């Protein structure tokens, strides 16, 4: 079992950058596929980015491709989301998620069995 804690959210202006972190407990972090999702008020939770256990493969939603970068440091049990050129439509509660089965569709919430509590990102225009 793994516990996830997000940090790094905040209030920024359009065009600014933020880096989110997701700290995981446990000794087998490198075995987990990891993902970032977000949920805006009144909307469904949506996929943002995902990364394989080794970090060799990364996937992005079209809406963030070229602006966001997902990465991980397995020695520190931490995953990151570097967000550049932020837009007001990026405003949401951002969640990190973990999958131990290494199966399923990386963009689906159903793949991930473990979730953090979320960190709020607000981008003003």
Foldseek 3Di string as FASTA:
>chain_A
DKAKAKDWADEEAAQAKTKMKIAMDDDPLLLKKKFKWWDDPPDDIWGAKIAHSVRPDIDGDPVQPPFWDWGADSVRRMIMIIGGRDDQVVWTWMKMFIANVPDDDRGDPVRGDYIYPTDTHGYHD
